[in-house]
Protein backbone atom coordinates (compact mmCIF):
# COMPACT_ATOMS: atom_id res chain seq x y z
CA UNK A 1 19.57 -9.06 -11.38
CA UNK A 2 23.19 -8.32 -10.39
CA UNK A 3 24.05 -5.49 -7.99
CA UNK A 4 27.55 -4.23 -8.81
CA UNK A 5 27.07 -0.96 -6.93
CA UNK A 6 26.60 -1.69 -3.23
CA UNK A 7 25.64 1.28 -1.11
CA UNK A 8 25.69 2.83 2.32
CA UNK A 9 22.05 3.74 2.93
CA UNK A 10 20.36 5.78 5.67
CA UNK A 11 16.66 5.00 6.21
CA UNK A 12 14.00 6.84 8.19
CA UNK A 13 10.24 6.57 8.62
CA UNK A 14 7.88 7.43 11.49
CA UNK A 15 6.76 3.82 10.93
CA UNK A 16 9.89 2.19 12.35
CA UNK A 17 8.75 -1.28 11.34
CA UNK A 18 8.58 -0.17 7.69
CA UNK A 19 12.12 1.21 7.88
CA UNK A 20 13.36 -2.07 9.29
CA UNK A 21 11.69 -4.19 6.60
CA UNK A 22 13.18 -2.00 3.87
CA UNK A 23 16.57 -2.22 5.55
CA UNK A 24 16.40 -6.01 5.85
CA UNK A 25 15.60 -6.43 2.16
CA UNK A 26 18.26 -3.99 0.95
CA UNK A 27 20.89 -5.57 3.19
CA UNK A 28 20.10 -8.95 1.65
CA UNK A 29 21.54 -7.46 -1.57
CA UNK A 30 24.79 -6.61 0.25
CA UNK A 31 24.10 -2.96 1.04
CA UNK A 32 25.04 -1.39 4.37
CA UNK A 33 21.88 0.07 5.91
CA UNK A 34 21.30 2.24 8.96
CA UNK A 35 17.79 2.71 10.37
CA UNK A 36 17.07 5.91 12.32
CA UNK A 37 14.22 6.31 14.79
CA UNK A 38 14.42 10.10 14.79
CA UNK A 39 14.72 12.32 11.71
CA UNK A 40 16.93 14.86 13.47
CA UNK A 41 19.37 12.07 14.35
CA UNK A 42 19.61 11.21 10.66
CA UNK A 43 20.35 14.79 9.58
CA UNK A 44 22.96 15.20 12.34
CA UNK A 45 24.64 11.96 11.34
CA UNK A 46 24.78 13.04 7.69
CA UNK A 47 26.44 16.32 8.63
CA UNK A 48 28.99 14.57 10.85
CA UNK A 49 29.99 11.89 8.34
CA UNK A 50 33.40 12.13 6.72
CA UNK A 51 32.10 9.95 3.89
CA UNK A 52 28.50 10.70 3.03
CA UNK A 53 25.97 7.89 2.54
CA UNK A 54 25.19 6.95 -1.05
CA UNK A 55 21.46 7.27 -0.51
CA UNK A 56 18.78 8.46 1.91
CA UNK A 57 15.53 6.48 1.82
CA UNK A 58 12.82 8.48 3.57
CA UNK A 59 9.11 8.37 4.32
CA UNK A 60 7.30 11.22 2.54
CA UNK A 61 5.73 12.08 5.93
CA UNK A 62 9.11 12.60 7.59
CA UNK A 63 8.48 16.35 7.55
CA UNK A 64 6.19 19.02 6.07
CA UNK A 65 7.42 19.66 2.52
CA UNK A 66 5.90 23.16 2.47
CA UNK A 67 8.12 24.18 5.37
CA UNK A 68 11.27 22.15 4.79
CA UNK A 69 13.21 21.21 1.65
CA UNK A 70 15.79 18.55 2.41
CA UNK A 71 17.83 19.26 -0.74
CA UNK A 72 18.08 22.97 0.14
CA UNK A 73 18.87 22.13 3.76
CA UNK A 74 21.86 19.98 2.83
CA UNK A 75 23.03 22.07 -0.15
CA UNK A 76 23.26 25.12 2.14
CA UNK A 77 25.83 23.08 4.04
CA UNK A 78 27.57 22.02 0.80
CA UNK A 79 26.26 18.49 1.15
CA UNK A 80 24.86 16.96 -2.03
CA UNK A 81 23.50 13.45 -1.84
CA UNK A 82 20.67 11.43 -3.41
CA UNK A 83 17.38 11.29 -1.49
CA UNK A 84 14.25 9.33 -2.35
CA UNK A 85 10.84 9.15 -0.70
CA UNK A 86 9.77 5.53 -0.97
CA UNK A 87 6.04 6.38 -0.62
CA UNK A 88 6.01 9.59 -2.66
CA UNK A 89 2.32 10.12 -3.59
CA UNK A 90 3.11 12.56 -6.45
CA UNK A 91 4.95 10.53 -9.08
CA UNK A 92 6.18 12.44 -12.13
CA UNK A 93 6.84 9.28 -14.15
CA UNK A 94 5.01 6.03 -14.78
CA UNK A 95 7.12 4.06 -12.26
CA UNK A 96 8.77 4.86 -8.96
CA UNK A 97 12.18 3.93 -10.36
CA UNK A 98 11.94 6.38 -13.26
CA UNK A 99 10.50 9.03 -10.91
CA UNK A 100 13.42 8.70 -8.48
CA UNK A 101 16.01 8.82 -11.28
CA UNK A 102 14.31 11.86 -12.84
CA UNK A 103 14.45 13.65 -9.49
CA UNK A 104 18.18 12.98 -9.25
CA UNK A 105 18.73 14.41 -12.73
CA UNK A 106 16.70 17.52 -11.92
CA UNK A 107 17.97 18.22 -8.41
CA UNK A 108 21.53 16.92 -8.24
CA UNK A 109 23.18 17.14 -11.67
CA UNK A 110 23.97 20.84 -11.21
CA UNK A 111 26.08 20.08 -8.15
CA UNK A 112 27.53 16.60 -8.60
CA UNK A 113 28.58 14.67 -11.66
CA UNK A 114 27.41 11.13 -11.08
CA UNK A 115 26.21 8.17 -13.11
CA UNK A 116 22.79 7.74 -11.54
CA UNK A 117 22.06 4.69 -13.70
CA UNK A 118 24.02 2.71 -11.12
CA UNK A 119 21.07 3.17 -8.77
CA UNK A 120 18.55 1.65 -11.15
CA UNK A 121 18.90 -2.07 -10.18
CA UNK A 122 18.41 -1.25 -6.49
CA UNK A 123 15.51 1.09 -7.27
CA UNK A 124 13.76 -1.59 -9.31
CA UNK A 125 14.13 -4.03 -6.42
CA UNK A 126 12.90 -1.43 -3.89
CA UNK A 127 9.95 -0.51 -6.11
CA UNK A 128 8.89 -4.16 -6.36
CA UNK A 129 9.02 -4.41 -2.57
CA UNK A 130 7.05 -1.19 -1.99
CA UNK A 131 4.40 -2.03 -4.59
CA UNK A 132 4.01 -5.69 -3.59
CA UNK A 133 0.53 -6.83 -2.57
CA UNK A 134 1.90 -8.08 0.75
CA UNK A 135 3.70 -4.88 1.80
CA UNK A 136 1.83 -2.02 0.12
CA UNK A 137 -1.32 -2.06 2.35
CA UNK A 138 0.79 -1.21 5.41
CA UNK A 139 2.54 1.81 3.87
CA UNK A 140 1.01 5.25 4.34
CA UNK A 141 0.03 7.31 1.26
CA UNK A 142 -0.09 4.33 -1.10
CA UNK A 143 -3.80 3.53 -0.84
CA UNK A 144 -5.72 5.07 -3.76
CA UNK A 145 -8.97 6.84 -2.96
CA UNK A 146 -12.20 5.17 -3.98
CA UNK A 147 -14.19 6.73 -6.81
CA UNK A 148 -17.28 8.48 -5.45
CA UNK A 149 -20.41 7.28 -7.28
CA UNK A 150 -22.51 9.98 -8.93
CA UNK A 151 -25.61 9.10 -6.91
CA UNK A 152 -23.65 9.81 -3.71
CA UNK A 153 -22.57 13.22 -4.99
CA UNK A 154 -26.17 14.22 -5.67
CA UNK A 155 -27.24 13.24 -2.18
CA UNK A 156 -27.00 16.22 0.19
CA UNK A 157 -26.59 13.75 3.05
CA UNK A 158 -23.56 12.17 1.36
CA UNK A 159 -21.32 11.96 4.43
CA UNK A 160 -23.94 10.31 6.57
CA UNK A 161 -24.81 7.95 3.73
CA UNK A 162 -21.17 6.92 3.36
CA UNK A 163 -20.86 6.38 7.09
CA UNK A 164 -23.91 4.13 7.16
CA UNK A 165 -22.78 2.19 4.09
CA UNK A 166 -19.10 1.85 4.88
CA UNK A 167 -17.47 -1.33 3.62
CA UNK A 168 -15.43 -1.66 6.82
CA UNK A 169 -18.06 -3.93 8.36
CA UNK A 170 -16.67 -7.05 6.69
CA UNK A 171 -13.17 -6.35 8.03
CA UNK A 172 -14.35 -5.96 11.61
CA UNK A 173 -16.39 -9.12 11.05
CA UNK A 174 -13.20 -10.89 9.95
CA UNK A 175 -11.37 -9.74 13.08
CA UNK A 176 -14.18 -10.96 15.34
CA UNK A 177 -14.65 -14.34 13.73
CA UNK A 178 -11.22 -15.34 12.34
CA UNK A 179 -13.02 -16.44 9.18
CA UNK A 180 -10.79 -18.45 6.77
CA UNK A 181 -9.23 -16.39 3.99
CA UNK A 182 -10.96 -18.27 1.15
CA UNK A 183 -14.38 -17.68 2.77
CA UNK A 184 -13.53 -14.02 3.39
CA UNK A 185 -12.53 -13.65 -0.28
CA UNK A 186 -15.99 -14.87 -1.23
CA UNK A 187 -17.53 -12.36 1.18
CA UNK A 188 -15.53 -9.52 -0.40
CA UNK A 189 -16.69 -10.63 -3.82
CA UNK A 190 -20.32 -10.65 -2.67
CA UNK A 191 -19.98 -7.23 -1.09
CA UNK A 192 -18.32 -5.76 -4.18
CA UNK A 193 -21.33 -6.92 -6.22
CA UNK A 194 -23.93 -6.10 -3.59
CA UNK A 195 -26.26 -4.47 -6.11
CA UNK A 196 -26.84 -7.79 -7.86
CA UNK A 197 -28.66 -11.03 -7.18
CA UNK A 198 -26.02 -13.62 -8.07
CA UNK A 199 -26.49 -17.19 -9.17
CA UNK A 200 -23.83 -19.81 -8.45
CA UNK A 201 -22.78 -19.51 -12.08
CA UNK A 202 -22.55 -15.73 -11.77
CA UNK A 203 -20.25 -16.11 -8.77
CA UNK A 204 -18.14 -18.64 -10.65
CA UNK A 205 -17.75 -16.15 -13.51
CA UNK A 206 -16.72 -13.40 -11.08
CA UNK A 207 -13.93 -15.67 -9.87
CA UNK A 208 -12.86 -16.25 -13.47
CA UNK A 209 -12.64 -12.48 -14.00
CA UNK A 210 -9.97 -12.29 -11.30
CA UNK A 211 -8.12 -15.29 -12.70
CA UNK A 212 -9.37 -17.98 -10.33
CA UNK A 213 -11.02 -21.27 -11.21
CA UNK A 214 -13.55 -22.70 -8.75
CA UNK A 215 -16.25 -25.35 -9.08
CA UNK A 216 -19.93 -24.66 -8.50
CA UNK A 217 -19.91 -27.32 -5.78
CA UNK A 218 -17.10 -25.51 -3.94
CA UNK A 219 -19.01 -22.23 -4.15
CA UNK A 220 -22.10 -23.82 -2.61
CA UNK A 221 -20.05 -25.24 0.26
CA UNK A 222 -18.31 -21.90 0.82
CA UNK A 223 -21.61 -20.00 0.79
CA UNK A 224 -23.03 -22.37 3.36
CA UNK A 225 -19.94 -21.91 5.54
CA UNK A 226 -20.06 -18.14 5.16
CA UNK A 227 -23.71 -17.94 6.15
CA UNK A 228 -22.94 -20.11 9.20
CA UNK A 229 -20.23 -17.66 10.32
CA UNK A 230 -22.66 -14.77 9.84
CA UNK A 231 -25.42 -16.47 11.86
CA UNK A 232 -23.07 -17.21 14.74
CA UNK A 233 -21.73 -13.64 14.97
CA UNK A 234 -24.21 -11.69 17.09
CA UNK A 235 -22.63 -8.33 16.17
CA UNK A 236 -22.93 -8.88 12.44
CA UNK A 237 -24.81 -6.14 10.56
CA UNK A 238 -25.06 -7.76 7.13
CA UNK A 239 -26.33 -10.99 5.66
CA UNK A 240 -26.18 -13.11 2.52
CA UNK A 241 -29.74 -13.07 1.24
CA UNK A 242 -30.87 -16.24 -0.57
CA UNK A 243 -33.85 -16.41 -2.91
CA UNK A 244 -34.56 -18.85 -5.75
CA UNK A 245 -30.96 -20.02 -6.13
CA UNK A 246 -29.62 -16.47 -6.11
CA UNK A 247 -27.58 -14.71 -3.46
CA UNK A 248 -26.99 -11.11 -2.49
CA UNK A 249 -24.96 -9.21 0.11
CA UNK A 250 -27.22 -6.91 2.17
CA UNK A 251 -26.08 -4.40 4.79
CA UNK A 252 -28.59 -3.31 7.41
CA UNK A 253 -28.64 -0.92 10.36
CA UNK A 254 -28.27 -2.21 13.89
């Protein structure tokens, strides 16, 4: 995709590392980016600029939106410029790009006549970065909540039950043991289907459902390796139960 409209962009997030990664990627496309470590520094710089930046890229948690409206703040000073929140949790359109463009149309068109379609190629690129599997897990507000099962809702001890049955145990296990990623992926699969006794064929079919092909022999080797890691970790509070050629993830109290 060609970028004919190169921009001067101000970027701020309380997560400075996130700001820097966004800046690095946007600068690769020829844009001029400035990362700010303090939000007040950004607003002061905007007000002191003779030529305003083309875009502000902000973290939604930069400020409390009930107490501060950045568009009103700048418009009261006769400054009108495009602002997007890269991790906006309240999208009004089906994609971030269309959401950002719709916001521009709603909030800026009364004050400035501008062809906002010029922003679209950069927004598409930024959206792909933000939504990527590699980057998304480290960005605040982008992790969807888990659906609460009905049987949990009916349990008056729901919070305690959730605490005792938290899925975090496999991640702390991973940190302690440095388990290989392919073995950990099998563990996640077992945990996700912890209510079932799974045959090797069942496990193979679960891999197929997520688009991965794996032989039954490989699964047997991986299960053996996984169970070895579990046995050797003295802080482990789960096991892979094995009975009559079927396997099951079981969490227990310690």
